[in-house]
Every structure is written in C-alpha cells, then in structure tokens.
Amino acid sequence: MTSSPPIVSVMRAMHVLRTMNLRDVTSVNDLHVALDLPRPSIIRLLKTLEHIGYVTHAPERGKYVLTPKVRELSEGMSDGARKG
C-alpha cells in the first residue's frame, strides 16, 4: 500500500485541541501565537470543533474551552497501545 500525504486540516484540528488542552480557556489570538496559523483558519477550526461538540464558548467574550467530549478521544485505549 502506498502512503498518502497527511490531511493538513486534520493535523491543524489536532494541534488546536492539543494546544487548548494546556489552558483553561483559550482565545483565537492565543492559538494564532502558539500555532502560527491565520486567524480565519483558527476561527473555522474552532467553529467546526464547536459544531461537533469538542469546543464551546467560554463566558469571557472571544474565549473558548474544551468540552468533556474530548475525553472520548482517549476512551478505549489500552495501556499496551499507549506505550507503543
């Protein structure tokens, strides 16, 4: 089987989730500085992640937080899989 190039938008979304996981609340500017992505791209990624339930607006204007749904990303992982 030949290898396919990675899907950039999926990689970016995972970078957003990983970066947000390091903070209690995150702004578009926080992500722009940390990831060096254009603000419009970050906003589209956040809106998409919000649409599927992984991100929501924080009480502070312009801030976002992860939802408990992100825990589903690690459910089912065995210890053996984590080591490899």
Protein backbone atom coordinates (compact mmCIF):
# COMPACT_ATOMS: atom_id res chain seq x y z
CA MET A 1 0.00 0.00 0.00
CA THR A 2 1.36 3.43 -0.93
CA SER A 3 1.47 6.15 1.66
CA SER A 4 -0.81 9.14 1.25
CA PRO A 5 0.10 12.67 2.26
CA PRO A 6 -1.37 13.76 5.61
CA ILE A 7 -4.60 15.74 5.65
CA VAL A 8 -3.49 19.20 6.75
CA SER A 9 -6.86 20.28 8.18
CA VAL A 10 -6.98 17.21 10.43
CA MET A 11 -3.45 17.90 11.63
CA ARG A 12 -4.38 21.52 12.36
CA ALA A 13 -7.50 20.50 14.29
CA MET A 14 -5.45 18.11 16.42
CA HIS A 15 -2.89 20.86 17.08
CA VAL A 16 -5.72 23.17 18.18
CA LEU A 17 -7.10 20.53 20.57
CA ARG A 18 -3.65 19.75 21.97
CA THR A 19 -2.88 23.46 22.49
CA MET A 20 -6.26 24.12 24.10
CA ASN A 21 -5.69 21.17 26.41
CA LEU A 22 -2.78 23.09 28.01
CA ARG A 23 -5.02 26.00 29.09
CA ASP A 24 -8.27 26.52 30.99
CA VAL A 25 -9.56 29.00 28.40
CA THR A 26 -8.13 29.90 25.01
CA SER A 27 -8.60 32.82 22.64
CA VAL A 28 -8.19 32.95 18.89
CA ASN A 29 -5.13 35.11 19.48
CA ASP A 30 -3.64 32.52 21.89
CA LEU A 31 -3.95 29.90 19.16
CA HIS A 32 -2.65 32.27 16.49
CA VAL A 33 0.51 32.94 18.52
CA ALA A 34 1.03 29.31 19.59
CA LEU A 35 0.36 27.70 16.22
CA ASP A 36 1.26 30.44 13.74
CA LEU A 37 -1.96 29.84 11.81
CA PRO A 38 -4.07 32.56 10.18
CA ARG A 39 -6.89 33.80 12.41
CA PRO A 40 -9.60 32.96 9.83
CA SER A 41 -8.34 29.36 9.75
CA ILE A 42 -8.39 29.16 13.54
CA ILE A 43 -11.93 30.52 13.65
CA ARG A 44 -13.10 27.94 11.08
CA LEU A 45 -11.41 25.16 13.03
CA LEU A 46 -12.98 26.33 16.30
CA LYS A 47 -16.44 26.60 14.70
CA THR A 48 -16.05 23.07 13.32
CA LEU A 49 -14.90 21.69 16.67
CA GLU A 50 -17.79 23.53 18.33
CA HIS A 51 -20.25 22.08 15.82
CA ILE A 52 -19.16 18.52 16.65
CA GLY A 53 -19.14 19.18 20.40
CA TYR A 54 -15.45 19.33 21.36
CA VAL A 55 -15.27 23.10 21.96
CA THR A 56 -17.65 25.68 23.36
CA HIS A 57 -17.61 29.43 24.02
CA ALA A 58 -16.29 30.41 27.43
CA PRO A 59 -18.11 33.03 29.49
CA GLU A 60 -15.39 35.54 28.54
CA ARG A 61 -16.02 37.14 25.16
CA GLY A 62 -13.88 35.61 22.43
CA LYS A 63 -12.64 32.72 24.57
CA TYR A 64 -13.13 29.01 24.02
CA VAL A 65 -12.90 25.93 26.24
CA LEU A 66 -12.77 22.21 25.58
CA THR A 67 -15.85 20.20 26.49
CA PRO A 68 -15.88 16.87 28.35
CA LYS A 69 -16.39 15.20 24.97
CA VAL A 70 -12.61 15.40 24.37
CA ARG A 71 -12.24 12.62 26.94
CA GLU A 72 -13.87 10.29 24.40
CA LEU A 73 -10.68 10.57 22.33
CA SER A 74 -8.78 8.51 24.90
CA GLU A 75 -11.51 6.09 25.97
CA GLY A 76 -10.85 2.54 24.96
CA MET A 77 -7.08 2.96 24.85
CA SER A 78 -5.27 0.04 26.44
CA ASP A 79 -2.02 0.51 28.35
CA GLY A 80 -0.21 -1.51 25.67
CA ALA A 81 -1.40 0.84 22.94
CA ARG A 82 -0.23 3.87 24.92
CA LYS A 83 3.29 2.51 25.24
CA GLY A 84 3.69 1.74 21.57
